[in-house]
């Protein structure tokens, strides 16, 4: 059983910062990638940022230069530092994990944490 525990969401004013954290636990044989997706009201879920076990990162164009993803492999934890937040960043942010559990490679999702950017 794999679990993802997210923290760090909340309400922030435009231009402010937030840091999201997501810790994975369970019988993970190999962690391949971790990251964040988001889903705004009435929109599709979209990639925000992902980091692979080799340290390669991928960001959505909308967050490049403002968000920074990092990981602590030993703790199986991924972080998302969000700076210069804009109202359009308002969404539920979901932690994502791609891992090998036993002989199966699959994706896992957290329950989501709300980020609201508003004055």
PDB file of N, CA and C in Angstrom:
ATOM      1  N   UNK A   1       0.848  -1.190   0.000  1.00  0.00           N
ATOM      2  CA  UNK A   1       0.000   0.000   0.000  1.00  0.00           C
ATOM      3  C   UNK A   1       0.884   1.240   0.000  1.00  0.00           C
ATOM      4  N   UNK A   2       0.658   2.118  -0.967  1.00  0.00           N
ATOM      5  CA  UNK A   2       1.430   3.358  -1.078  1.00  0.00           C
ATOM      6  C   UNK A   2       0.540   4.521  -0.675  1.00  0.00           C
ATOM      7  N   UNK A   3       1.084   5.401   0.142  1.00  0.00           N
ATOM      8  CA  UNK A   3       0.344   6.592   0.553  1.00  0.00           C
ATOM      9  C   UNK A   3       1.154   7.838   0.259  1.00  0.00           C
ATOM     10  N   UNK A   4       0.448   8.891  -0.123  1.00  0.00           N
ATOM     11  CA  UNK A   4       1.059  10.198  -0.347  1.00  0.00           C
ATOM     12  C   UNK A   4       0.383  11.190   0.588  1.00  0.00           C
ATOM     13  N   UNK A   5       1.178  11.870   1.391  1.00  0.00           N
ATOM     14  CA  UNK A   5       0.646  12.842   2.337  1.00  0.00           C
ATOM     15  C   UNK A   5       1.147  14.227   1.953  1.00  0.00           C
ATOM     16  N   UNK A   6       0.198  15.081   1.620  1.00  0.00           N
ATOM     17  CA  UNK A   6       0.514  16.436   1.156  1.00  0.00           C
ATOM     18  C   UNK A   6       0.320  17.442   2.280  1.00  0.00           C
ATOM     19  N   UNK A   7       1.067  18.530   2.203  1.00  0.00           N
ATOM     20  CA  UNK A   7       0.870  19.622   3.152  1.00  0.00           C
ATOM     21  C   UNK A   7       1.360  20.918   2.521  1.00  0.00           C
ATOM     22  N   UNK A   8       0.903  22.039   3.074  1.00  0.00           N
ATOM     23  CA  UNK A   8       1.429  23.330   2.667  1.00  0.00           C
ATOM     24  C   UNK A   8       0.503  24.228   1.882  1.00  0.00           C
ATOM     25  N   UNK A   9      -0.669  23.766   1.528  1.00  0.00           N
ATOM     26  CA  UNK A   9      -1.579  24.624   0.787  1.00  0.00           C
ATOM     27  C   UNK A   9      -2.164  25.713   1.681  1.00  0.00           C
ATOM     28  N   UNK A  10      -2.949  26.596   1.058  1.00  0.00           N
ATOM     29  CA  UNK A  10      -3.587  27.651   1.828  1.00  0.00           C
ATOM     30  C   UNK A  10      -3.928  28.849   0.981  1.00  0.00           C
ATOM     31  N   UNK A  11      -4.221  29.935   1.676  1.00  0.00           N
ATOM     32  CA  UNK A  11      -4.595  31.203   1.036  1.00  0.00           C
ATOM     33  C   UNK A  11      -3.403  32.157   1.087  1.00  0.00           C
ATOM     34  N   UNK A  12      -3.095  32.768  -0.042  1.00  0.00           N
ATOM     35  CA  UNK A  12      -1.977  33.703  -0.108  1.00  0.00           C
ATOM     36  C   UNK A  12      -2.342  34.843  -1.041  1.00  0.00           C
ATOM     37  N   UNK A  13      -1.792  36.007  -0.786  1.00  0.00           N
ATOM     38  CA  UNK A  13      -2.051  37.156  -1.649  1.00  0.00           C
ATOM     39  C   UNK A  13      -1.221  37.063  -2.925  1.00  0.00           C
ATOM     40  N   UNK A  14      -1.670  37.697  -3.993  1.00  0.00           N
ATOM     41  CA  UNK A  14      -0.866  37.731  -5.226  1.00  0.00           C
ATOM     42  C   UNK A  14       0.530  38.271  -4.945  1.00  0.00           C
ATOM     43  N   UNK A  15       1.510  37.613  -5.545  1.00  0.00           N
ATOM     44  CA  UNK A  15       2.896  37.971  -5.315  1.00  0.00           C
ATOM     45  C   UNK A  15       3.539  37.226  -4.166  1.00  0.00           C
ATOM     46  N   UNK A  16       2.739  36.523  -3.402  1.00  0.00           N
ATOM     47  CA  UNK A  16       3.252  35.791  -2.252  1.00  0.00           C
ATOM     48  C   UNK A  16       3.824  34.440  -2.620  1.00  0.00           C
ATOM     49  N   UNK A  17       4.217  33.696  -1.580  1.00  0.00           N
ATOM     50  CA  UNK A  17       4.856  32.396  -1.767  1.00  0.00           C
ATOM     51  C   UNK A  17       4.208  31.338  -0.884  1.00  0.00           C
ATOM     52  N   UNK A  18       4.284  30.114  -1.353  1.00  0.00           N
ATOM     53  CA  UNK A  18       3.867  28.950  -0.584  1.00  0.00           C
ATOM     54  C   UNK A  18       4.813  27.811  -0.913  1.00  0.00           C
ATOM     55  N   UNK A  19       4.940  26.878   0.028  1.00  0.00           N
ATOM     56  CA  UNK A  19       5.749  25.685  -0.208  1.00  0.00           C
ATOM     57  C   UNK A  19       4.896  24.460   0.075  1.00  0.00           C
ATOM     58  N   UNK A  20       4.766  23.612  -0.938  1.00  0.00           N
ATOM     59  CA  UNK A  20       4.045  22.361  -0.795  1.00  0.00           C
ATOM     60  C   UNK A  20       5.035  21.224  -0.537  1.00  0.00           C
ATOM     61  N   UNK A  21       4.595  20.263   0.265  1.00  0.00           N
ATOM     62  CA  UNK A  21       5.393  19.069   0.520  1.00  0.00           C
ATOM     63  C   UNK A  21       4.536  17.838   0.302  1.00  0.00           C
ATOM     64  N   UNK A  22       5.183  16.766  -0.117  1.00  0.00           N
ATOM     65  CA  UNK A  22       4.479  15.499  -0.303  1.00  0.00           C
ATOM     66  C   UNK A  22       5.426  14.371   0.063  1.00  0.00           C
ATOM     67  N   UNK A  23       5.014  13.575   1.044  1.00  0.00           N
ATOM     68  CA  UNK A  23       5.830  12.456   1.497  1.00  0.00           C
ATOM     69  C   UNK A  23       5.169  11.145   1.106  1.00  0.00           C
ATOM     70  N   UNK A  24       5.949  10.266   0.507  1.00  0.00           N
ATOM     71  CA  UNK A  24       5.460   8.950   0.102  1.00  0.00           C
ATOM     72  C   UNK A  24       5.882   7.905   1.123  1.00  0.00           C
ATOM     73  N   UNK A  25       4.996   6.958   1.336  1.00  0.00           N
ATOM     74  CA  UNK A  25       5.324   5.849   2.222  1.00  0.00           C
ATOM     75  C   UNK A  25       4.714   4.578   1.675  1.00  0.00           C
ATOM     76  N   UNK A  26       5.217   3.439   2.160  1.00  0.00           N
ATOM     77  CA  UNK A  26       4.708   2.165   1.699  1.00  0.00           C
ATOM     78  C   UNK A  26       5.803   1.327   1.061  1.00  0.00           C
ATOM     79  N   UNK A  27       5.388   0.236   0.459  1.00  0.00           N
ATOM     80  CA  UNK A  27       6.337  -0.741  -0.090  1.00  0.00           C
ATOM     81  C   UNK A  27       6.780  -0.341  -1.493  1.00  0.00           C
ATOM     82  N   UNK A  28       7.570   0.722  -1.551  1.00  0.00           N
ATOM     83  CA  UNK A  28       8.055   1.237  -2.831  1.00  0.00           C
ATOM     84  C   UNK A  28       9.407   0.611  -3.132  1.00  0.00           C
ATOM     85  N   UNK A  29       9.483  -0.161  -4.224  1.00  0.00           N
ATOM     86  CA  UNK A  29      10.743  -0.793  -4.606  1.00  0.00           C
ATOM     87  C   UNK A  29      11.657   0.210  -5.276  1.00  0.00           C
ATOM     88  N   UNK A  30      11.084   0.999  -6.178  1.00  0.00           N
ATOM     89  CA  UNK A  30      11.881   1.978  -6.914  1.00  0.00           C
ATOM     90  C   UNK A  30      11.036   3.208  -7.204  1.00  0.00           C
ATOM     91  N   UNK A  31      11.537   4.357  -6.815  1.00  0.00           N
ATOM     92  CA  UNK A  31      10.823   5.612  -7.047  1.00  0.00           C
ATOM     93  C   UNK A  31      11.347   6.203  -8.356  1.00  0.00           C
ATOM     94  N   UNK A  32      10.491   6.359  -9.346  1.00  0.00           N
ATOM     95  CA  UNK A  32      10.922   6.808 -10.670  1.00  0.00           C
ATOM     96  C   UNK A  32      10.771   8.307 -10.878  1.00  0.00           C
ATOM     97  N   UNK A  33       9.679   8.863 -10.376  1.00  0.00           N
ATOM     98  CA  UNK A  33       9.443  10.295 -10.528  1.00  0.00           C
ATOM     99  C   UNK A  33       8.417  10.744  -9.506  1.00  0.00           C
ATOM    100  N   UNK A  34       8.537  11.982  -9.078  1.00  0.00           N
ATOM    101  CA  UNK A  34       7.532  12.606  -8.220  1.00  0.00           C
ATOM    102  C   UNK A  34       7.275  14.005  -8.732  1.00  0.00           C
ATOM    103  N   UNK A  35       6.097  14.506  -8.430  1.00  0.00           N
ATOM    104  CA  UNK A  35       5.814  15.850  -8.889  1.00  0.00           C
ATOM    105  C   UNK A  35       4.449  16.335  -8.476  1.00  0.00           C
ATOM    106  N   UNK A  36       4.009  17.354  -9.189  1.00  0.00           N
ATOM    107  CA  UNK A  36       2.740  18.008  -8.868  1.00  0.00           C
ATOM    108  C   UNK A  36       1.940  18.291 -10.131  1.00  0.00           C
ATOM    109  N   UNK A  37       0.662  18.050 -10.024  1.00  0.00           N
ATOM    110  CA  UNK A  37      -0.314  18.464 -11.012  1.00  0.00           C
ATOM    111  C   UNK A  37      -1.301  19.382 -10.305  1.00  0.00           C
ATOM    112  N   UNK A  38      -2.084  20.092 -11.078  1.00  0.00           N
ATOM    113  CA  UNK A  38      -3.116  20.927 -10.487  1.00  0.00           C
ATOM    114  C   UNK A  38      -4.368  20.910 -11.334  1.00  0.00           C
ATOM    115  N   UNK A  39      -5.477  21.185 -10.667  1.00  0.00           N
ATOM    116  CA  UNK A  39      -6.758  21.245 -11.355  1.00  0.00           C
ATOM    117  C   UNK A  39      -7.550  22.424 -10.834  1.00  0.00           C
ATOM    118  N   UNK A  40      -7.746  23.392 -11.708  1.00  0.00           N
ATOM    119  CA  UNK A  40      -8.571  24.539 -11.369  1.00  0.00           C
ATOM    120  C   UNK A  40     -10.030  24.212 -11.634  1.00  0.00           C
ATOM    121  N   UNK A  41     -10.897  25.017 -11.065  1.00  0.00           N
ATOM    122  CA  UNK A  41     -12.332  24.795 -11.224  1.00  0.00           C
ATOM    123  C   UNK A  41     -12.706  24.786 -12.702  1.00  0.00           C
ATOM    124  N   UNK A  42     -13.434  23.758 -13.107  1.00  0.00           N
ATOM    125  CA  UNK A  42     -13.943  23.605 -14.469  1.00  0.00           C
ATOM    126  C   UNK A  42     -12.829  23.442 -15.509  1.00  0.00           C
ATOM    127  N   UNK A  43     -11.661  23.006 -15.076  1.00  0.00           N
ATOM    128  CA  UNK A  43     -10.578  22.774 -16.014  1.00  0.00           C
ATOM    129  C   UNK A  43     -10.017  21.376 -15.843  1.00  0.00           C
ATOM    130  N   UNK A  44      -9.238  20.948 -16.845  1.00  0.00           N
ATOM    131  CA  UNK A  44      -8.586  19.641 -16.789  1.00  0.00           C
ATOM    132  C   UNK A  44      -7.395  19.695 -15.835  1.00  0.00           C
ATOM    133  N   UNK A  45      -7.056  18.533 -15.287  1.00  0.00           N
ATOM    134  CA  UNK A  45      -5.841  18.439 -14.489  1.00  0.00           C
ATOM    135  C   UNK A  45      -4.634  18.627 -15.401  1.00  0.00           C
ATOM    136  N   UNK A  46      -3.658  19.402 -14.932  1.00  0.00           N
ATOM    137  CA  UNK A  46      -2.494  19.708 -15.764  1.00  0.00           C
ATOM    138  C   UNK A  46      -1.207  19.557 -14.973  1.00  0.00           C
ATOM    139  N   UNK A  47      -0.143  19.266 -15.698  1.00  0.00           N
ATOM    140  CA  UNK A  47       1.170  19.153 -15.092  1.00  0.00           C
ATOM    141  C   UNK A  47       1.639  20.511 -14.581  1.00  0.00           C
ATOM    142  N   UNK A  48       2.226  20.519 -13.383  1.00  0.00           N
ATOM    143  CA  UNK A  48       2.886  21.711 -12.875  1.00  0.00           C
ATOM    144  C   UNK A  48       4.405  21.512 -12.966  1.00  0.00           C
ATOM    145  N   UNK A  49       4.890  20.467 -12.306  1.00  0.00           N
ATOM    146  CA  UNK A  49       6.329  20.188 -12.323  1.00  0.00           C
ATOM    147  C   UNK A  49       6.560  18.754 -11.889  1.00  0.00           C
ATOM    148  N   UNK A  50       7.565  18.134 -12.490  1.00  0.00           N
ATOM    149  CA  UNK A  50       7.935  16.762 -12.164  1.00  0.00           C
ATOM    150  C   UNK A  50       9.456  16.673 -12.071  1.00  0.00           C
ATOM    151  N   UNK A  51       9.934  15.839 -11.157  1.00  0.00           N
ATOM    152  CA  UNK A  51      11.365  15.563 -11.059  1.00  0.00           C
ATOM    153  C   UNK A  51      11.553  14.049 -11.077  1.00  0.00           C
ATOM    154  N   UNK A  52      12.514  13.587 -11.885  1.00  0.00           N
ATOM    155  CA  UNK A  52      12.779  12.152 -11.953  1.00  0.00           C
ATOM    156  C   UNK A  52      13.787  11.755 -10.884  1.00  0.00           C
ATOM    157  N   UNK A  53      13.934  10.451 -10.704  1.00  0.00           N
ATOM    158  CA  UNK A  53      14.897   9.967  -9.718  1.00  0.00           C
ATOM    159  C   UNK A  53      16.316  10.371 -10.079  1.00  0.00           C
ATOM    160  N   UNK A  54      16.553  10.647 -11.355  1.00  0.00           N
ATOM    161  CA  UNK A  54      17.875  11.090 -11.794  1.00  0.00           C
ATOM    162  C   UNK A  54      18.083  12.591 -11.661  1.00  0.00           C
ATOM    163  N   UNK A  55      17.049  13.287 -11.190  1.00  0.00           N
ATOM    164  CA  UNK A  55      17.183  14.721 -10.963  1.00  0.00           C
ATOM    165  C   UNK A  55      16.739  15.605 -12.120  1.00  0.00           C
ATOM    166  N   UNK A  56      16.237  14.995 -13.182  1.00  0.00           N
ATOM    167  CA  UNK A  56      15.761  15.791 -14.313  1.00  0.00           C
ATOM    168  C   UNK A  56      14.409  16.398 -13.966  1.00  0.00           C
ATOM    169  N   UNK A  57      14.240  17.689 -14.284  1.00  0.00           N
ATOM    170  CA  UNK A  57      12.992  18.377 -13.973  1.00  0.00           C
ATOM    171  C   UNK A  57      12.262  18.807 -15.237  1.00  0.00           C
ATOM    172  N   UNK A  58      10.951  18.916 -15.101  1.00  0.00           N
ATOM    173  CA  UNK A  58      10.115  19.391 -16.199  1.00  0.00           C
ATOM    174  C   UNK A  58       9.045  20.289 -15.596  1.00  0.00           C
ATOM    175  N   UNK A  59       8.906  21.505 -16.162  1.00  0.00           N
ATOM    176  CA  UNK A  59       7.950  22.473 -15.656  1.00  0.00           C
ATOM    177  C   UNK A  59       6.949  22.859 -16.738  1.00  0.00           C
ATOM    178  N   UNK A  60       5.752  23.170 -16.301  1.00  0.00           N
ATOM    179  CA  UNK A  60       4.786  23.787 -17.206  1.00  0.00           C
ATOM    180  C   UNK A  60       5.279  25.194 -17.545  1.00  0.00           C
ATOM    181  N   UNK A  61       5.018  25.622 -18.756  1.00  0.00           N
ATOM    182  CA  UNK A  61       5.456  26.959 -19.176  1.00  0.00           C
ATOM    183  C   UNK A  61       4.909  28.039 -18.251  1.00  0.00           C
ATOM    184  N   UNK A  62       3.704  27.826 -17.744  1.00  0.00           N
ATOM    185  CA  UNK A  62       3.042  28.850 -16.930  1.00  0.00           C
ATOM    186  C   UNK A  62       3.738  29.093 -15.597  1.00  0.00           C
ATOM    187  N   UNK A  63       4.579  28.155 -15.162  1.00  0.00           N
ATOM    188  CA  UNK A  63       5.206  28.304 -13.841  1.00  0.00           C
ATOM    189  C   UNK A  63       6.721  28.438 -13.911  1.00  0.00           C
ATOM    190  N   UNK A  64       7.287  28.306 -15.103  1.00  0.00           N
ATOM    191  CA  UNK A  64       8.744  28.419 -15.242  1.00  0.00           C
ATOM    192  C   UNK A  64       9.234  29.765 -14.732  1.00  0.00           C
ATOM    193  N   UNK A  65      10.310  29.724 -13.946  1.00  0.00           N
ATOM    194  CA  UNK A  65      10.872  30.943 -13.393  1.00  0.00           C
ATOM    195  C   UNK A  65      10.228  31.369 -12.091  1.00  0.00           C
ATOM    196  N   UNK A  66       9.108  30.751 -11.724  1.00  0.00           N
ATOM    197  CA  UNK A  66       8.432  31.112 -10.483  1.00  0.00           C
ATOM    198  C   UNK A  66       8.388  29.951  -9.478  1.00  0.00           C
ATOM    199  N   UNK A  67       8.238  28.738  -9.981  1.00  0.00           N
ATOM    200  CA  UNK A  67       8.133  27.553  -9.123  1.00  0.00           C
ATOM    201  C   UNK A  67       9.437  26.756  -9.206  1.00  0.00           C
ATOM    202  N   UNK A  68       9.781  26.134  -8.094  1.00  0.00           N
ATOM    203  CA  UNK A  68      10.958  25.277  -8.046  1.00  0.00           C
ATOM    204  C   UNK A  68      10.592  23.952  -7.387  1.00  0.00           C
ATOM    205  N   UNK A  69      10.861  22.860  -8.105  1.00  0.00           N
ATOM    206  CA  UNK A  69      10.599  21.539  -7.554  1.00  0.00           C
ATOM    207  C   UNK A  69      11.911  20.944  -7.067  1.00  0.00           C
ATOM    208  N   UNK A  70      11.851  20.269  -5.935  1.00  0.00           N
ATOM    209  CA  UNK A  70      13.022  19.593  -5.406  1.00  0.00           C
ATOM    210  C   UNK A  70      12.577  18.321  -4.697  1.00  0.00           C
ATOM    211  N   UNK A  71      13.546  17.439  -4.423  1.00  0.00           N
ATOM    212  CA  UNK A  71      13.194  16.180  -3.790  1.00  0.00           C
ATOM    213  C   UNK A  71      14.250  15.771  -2.786  1.00  0.00           C
ATOM    214  N   UNK A  72      13.824  14.951  -1.858  1.00  0.00           N
ATOM    215  CA  UNK A  72      14.725  14.305  -0.916  1.00  0.00           C
ATOM    216  C   UNK A  72      14.461  12.807  -1.069  1.00  0.00           C
ATOM    217  N   UNK A  73      15.315  12.140  -1.821  1.00  0.00           N
ATOM    218  CA  UNK A  73      15.088  10.725  -2.115  1.00  0.00           C
ATOM    219  C   UNK A  73      15.075   9.867  -0.853  1.00  0.00           C
ATOM    220  N   UNK A  74      15.936  10.204   0.082  1.00  0.00           N
ATOM    221  CA  UNK A  74      16.013   9.405   1.307  1.00  0.00           C
ATOM    222  C   UNK A  74      14.701   9.456   2.071  1.00  0.00           C
ATOM    223  N   UNK A  75      14.034  10.593   2.023  1.00  0.00           N
ATOM    224  CA  UNK A  75      12.761  10.753   2.730  1.00  0.00           C
ATOM    225  C   UNK A  75      11.569  10.483   1.828  1.00  0.00           C
ATOM    226  N   UNK A  76      11.836  10.192   0.548  1.00  0.00           N
ATOM    227  CA  UNK A  76      10.761   9.983  -0.423  1.00  0.00           C
ATOM    228  C   UNK A  76       9.779  11.161  -0.379  1.00  0.00           C
ATOM    229  N   UNK A  77      10.338  12.347  -0.413  1.00  0.00           N
ATOM    230  CA  UNK A  77       9.547  13.557  -0.292  1.00  0.00           C
ATOM    231  C   UNK A  77       9.874  14.510  -1.441  1.00  0.00           C
ATOM    232  N   UNK A  78       8.828  15.135  -1.958  1.00  0.00           N
ATOM    233  CA  UNK A  78       8.998  16.131  -3.000  1.00  0.00           C
ATOM    234  C   UNK A  78       8.425  17.458  -2.508  1.00  0.00           C
ATOM    235  N   UNK A  79       9.080  18.539  -2.907  1.00  0.00           N
ATOM    236  CA  UNK A  79       8.675  19.872  -2.486  1.00  0.00           C
ATOM    237  C   UNK A  79       8.397  20.732  -3.723  1.00  0.00           C
ATOM    238  N   UNK A  80       7.496  21.679  -3.566  1.00  0.00           N
ATOM    239  CA  UNK A  80       7.238  22.652  -4.620  1.00  0.00           C
ATOM    240  C   UNK A  80       7.241  24.038  -3.983  1.00  0.00           C
ATOM    241  N   UNK A  81       8.284  24.792  -4.263  1.00  0.00           N
ATOM    242  CA  UNK A  81       8.363  26.173  -3.809  1.00  0.00           C
ATOM    243  C   UNK A  81       7.689  27.044  -4.859  1.00  0.00           C
ATOM    244  N   UNK A  82       6.642  27.721  -4.451  1.00  0.00           N
ATOM    245  CA  UNK A  82       5.866  28.538  -5.379  1.00  0.00           C
ATOM    246  C   UNK A  82       6.042  30.008  -5.016  1.00  0.00           C
ATOM    247  N   UNK A  83       6.651  30.765  -5.917  1.00  0.00           N
ATOM    248  CA  UNK A  83       6.899  32.183  -5.700  1.00  0.00           C
ATOM    249  C   UNK A  83       6.115  33.018  -6.703  1.00  0.00           C
ATOM    250  N   UNK A  84       6.000  34.293  -6.399  1.00  0.00           N
ATOM    251  CA  UNK A  84       5.297  35.227  -7.306  1.00  0.00           C
ATOM    252  C   UNK A  84       3.954  34.658  -7.742  1.00  0.00           C
ATOM    253  N   UNK A  85       3.198  34.195  -6.787  1.00  0.00           N
ATOM    254  CA  UNK A  85       1.927  33.538  -7.100  1.00  0.00           C
ATOM    255  C   UNK A  85       0.934  34.509  -7.725  1.00  0.00           C
ATOM    256  N   UNK A  86       0.144  33.970  -8.640  1.00  0.00           N
ATOM    257  CA  UNK A  86      -0.861  34.742  -9.367  1.00  0.00           C
ATOM    258  C   UNK A  86      -2.239  34.138  -9.106  1.00  0.00           C
ATOM    259  N   UNK A  87      -3.285  34.923  -9.272  1.00  0.00           N
ATOM    260  CA  UNK A  87      -4.639  34.370  -9.088  1.00  0.00           C
ATOM    261  C   UNK A  87      -4.887  33.139  -9.963  1.00  0.00           C
ATOM    262  N   UNK A  88      -4.305  33.112 -11.145  1.00  0.00           N
ATOM    263  CA  UNK A  88      -4.501  31.966 -12.038  1.00  0.00           C
ATOM    264  C   UNK A  88      -3.783  30.700 -11.561  1.00  0.00           C
ATOM    265  N   UNK A  89      -2.989  30.804 -10.498  1.00  0.00           N
ATOM    266  CA  UNK A  89      -2.390  29.612  -9.901  1.00  0.00           C
ATOM    267  C   UNK A  89      -3.356  28.919  -8.934  1.00  0.00           C
ATOM    268  N   UNK A  90      -4.489  29.548  -8.682  1.00  0.00           N
ATOM    269  CA  UNK A  90      -5.488  28.966  -7.784  1.00  0.00           C
ATOM    270  C   UNK A  90      -5.988  27.633  -8.338  1.00  0.00           C
ATOM    271  N   UNK A  91      -5.867  26.601  -7.530  1.00  0.00           N
ATOM    272  CA  UNK A  91      -6.255  25.256  -7.961  1.00  0.00           C
ATOM    273  C   UNK A  91      -6.074  24.289  -6.795  1.00  0.00           C
ATOM    274  N   UNK A  92      -6.567  23.072  -7.000  1.00  0.00           N
ATOM    275  CA  UNK A  92      -6.203  21.977  -6.108  1.00  0.00           C
ATOM    276  C   UNK A  92      -4.934  21.352  -6.676  1.00  0.00           C
ATOM    277  N   UNK A  93      -3.924  21.250  -5.852  1.00  0.00           N
ATOM    278  CA  UNK A  93      -2.636  20.702  -6.263  1.00  0.00           C
ATOM    279  C   UNK A  93      -2.527  19.261  -5.777  1.00  0.00           C
ATOM    280  N   UNK A  94      -2.219  18.367  -6.731  1.00  0.00           N
ATOM    281  CA  UNK A  94      -2.143  16.939  -6.437  1.00  0.00           C
ATOM    282  C   UNK A  94      -0.703  16.460  -6.540  1.00  0.00           C
ATOM    283  N   UNK A  95      -0.272  15.746  -5.539  1.00  0.00           N
ATOM    284  CA  UNK A  95       1.030  15.105  -5.578  1.00  0.00           C
ATOM    285  C   UNK A  95       0.958  13.878  -6.486  1.00  0.00           C
ATOM    286  N   UNK A  96       2.017  13.639  -7.222  1.00  0.00           N
ATOM    287  CA  UNK A  96       2.095  12.532  -8.176  1.00  0.00           C
ATOM    288  C   UNK A  96       3.350  11.717  -7.898  1.00  0.00           C
ATOM    289  N   UNK A  97       3.192  10.407  -7.971  1.00  0.00           N
ATOM    290  CA  UNK A  97       4.319   9.500  -7.783  1.00  0.00           C
ATOM    291  C   UNK A  97       4.265   8.419  -8.843  1.00  0.00           C
ATOM    292  N   UNK A  98       5.380   8.189  -9.498  1.00  0.00           N
ATOM    293  CA  UNK A  98       5.518   7.042 -10.400  1.00  0.00           C
ATOM    294  C   UNK A  98       6.543   6.113  -9.776  1.00  0.00           C
ATOM    295  N   UNK A  99       6.111   4.908  -9.439  1.00  0.00           N
ATOM    296  CA  UNK A  99       6.994   4.021  -8.693  1.00  0.00           C
ATOM    297  C   UNK A  99       6.772   2.577  -9.085  1.00  0.00           C
ATOM    298  N   UNK A 100       7.800   1.777  -8.814  1.00  0.00           N
ATOM    299  CA  UNK A 100       7.703   0.330  -8.950  1.00  0.00           C
ATOM    300  C   UNK A 100       7.357  -0.235  -7.582  1.00  0.00           C
ATOM    301  N   UNK A 101       6.226  -0.919  -7.520  1.00  0.00           N
ATOM    302  CA  UNK A 101       5.803  -1.592  -6.298  1.00  0.00           C
ATOM    303  C   UNK A 101       5.715  -3.072  -6.645  1.00  0.00           C
ATOM    304  N   UNK A 102       6.647  -3.829  -6.112  1.00  0.00           N
ATOM    305  CA  UNK A 102       6.748  -5.217  -6.549  1.00  0.00           C
ATOM    306  C   UNK A 102       7.171  -5.251  -8.009  1.00  0.00           C
ATOM    307  N   UNK A 103       6.420  -5.935  -8.843  1.00  0.00           N
ATOM    308  CA  UNK A 103       6.729  -6.028 -10.268  1.00  0.00           C
ATOM    309  C   UNK A 103       5.891  -5.056 -11.099  1.00  0.00           C
ATOM    310  N   UNK A 104       5.178  -4.176 -10.420  1.00  0.00           N
ATOM    311  CA  UNK A 104       4.248  -3.287 -11.121  1.00  0.00           C
ATOM    312  C   UNK A 104       4.722  -1.843 -11.068  1.00  0.00           C
ATOM    313  N   UNK A 105       4.727  -1.187 -12.220  1.00  0.00           N
ATOM    314  CA  UNK A 105       5.017   0.246 -12.285  1.00  0.00           C
ATOM    315  C   UNK A 105       3.701   0.964 -12.509  1.00  0.00           C
ATOM    316  N   UNK A 106       3.429   1.926 -11.649  1.00  0.00           N
ATOM    317  CA  UNK A 106       2.177   2.655 -11.792  1.00  0.00           C
ATOM    318  C   UNK A 106       2.258   4.024 -11.165  1.00  0.00           C
ATOM    319  N   UNK A 107       1.209   4.806 -11.409  1.00  0.00           N
ATOM    320  CA  UNK A 107       1.131   6.157 -10.870  1.00  0.00           C
ATOM    321  C   UNK A 107       0.236   6.172  -9.644  1.00  0.00           C
ATOM    322  N   UNK A 108       0.608   7.008  -8.702  1.00  0.00           N
ATOM    323  CA  UNK A 108      -0.171   7.203  -7.490  1.00  0.00           C
ATOM    324  C   UNK A 108      -0.445   8.694  -7.334  1.00  0.00           C
ATOM    325  N   UNK A 109      -1.574   8.992  -6.697  1.00  0.00           N
ATOM    326  CA  UNK A 109      -1.982  10.383  -6.516  1.00  0.00           C
ATOM    327  C   UNK A 109      -2.305  10.670  -5.057  1.00  0.00           C
ATOM    328  N   UNK A 110      -1.946  11.887  -4.631  1.00  0.00           N
ATOM    329  CA  UNK A 110      -2.380  12.343  -3.331  1.00  0.00           C
ATOM    330  C   UNK A 110      -3.815  12.825  -3.379  1.00  0.00           C
ATOM    331  N   UNK A 111      -4.345  13.194  -2.220  1.00  0.00           N
ATOM    332  CA  UNK A 111      -5.748  13.613  -2.137  1.00  0.00           C
ATOM    333  C   UNK A 111      -5.946  15.052  -2.584  1.00  0.00           C
ATOM    334  N   UNK A 112      -4.861  15.797  -2.677  1.00  0.00           N
ATOM    335  CA  UNK A 112      -4.956  17.178  -3.141  1.00  0.00           C
ATOM    336  C   UNK A 112      -4.929  18.178  -2.003  1.00  0.00           C
ATOM    337  N   UNK A 113      -4.341  19.327  -2.286  1.00  0.00           N
ATOM    338  CA  UNK A 113      -4.318  20.419  -1.323  1.00  0.00           C
ATOM    339  C   UNK A 113      -4.683  21.712  -2.055  1.00  0.00           C
ATOM    340  N   UNK A 114      -5.574  22.474  -1.444  1.00  0.00           N
ATOM    341  CA  UNK A 114      -6.081  23.691  -2.100  1.00  0.00           C
ATOM    342  C   UNK A 114      -5.071  24.828  -1.962  1.00  0.00           C
ATOM    343  N   UNK A 115      -4.813  25.472  -3.080  1.00  0.00           N
ATOM    344  CA  UNK A 115      -4.017  26.704  -3.097  1.00  0.00           C
ATOM    345  C   UNK A 115      -4.903  27.805  -3.674  1.00  0.00           C
ATOM    346  N   UNK A 116      -5.089  28.862  -2.898  1.00  0.00           N
ATOM    347  CA  UNK A 116      -5.914  29.983  -3.330  1.00  0.00           C
ATOM    348  C   UNK A 116      -5.090  31.251  -3.297  1.00  0.00           C
ATOM    349  N   UNK A 117      -5.025  31.921  -4.440  1.00  0.00           N
ATOM    350  CA  UNK A 117      -4.269  33.173  -4.545  1.00  0.00           C
ATOM    351  C   UNK A 117      -5.272  34.297  -4.759  1.00  0.00           C
ATOM    352  N   UNK A 118      -5.431  35.122  -3.746  1.00  0.00           N
ATOM    353  CA  UNK A 118      -6.456  36.152  -3.799  1.00  0.00           C
ATOM    354  C   UNK A 118      -6.125  37.261  -2.813  1.00  0.00           C
ATOM    355  N   UNK A 119      -6.527  38.470  -3.193  1.00  0.00           N
ATOM    356  CA  UNK A 119      -6.352  39.607  -2.291  1.00  0.00           C
ATOM    357  C   UNK A 119      -7.626  39.838  -1.478  1.00  0.00           C
TER     358      UNK A 119
END
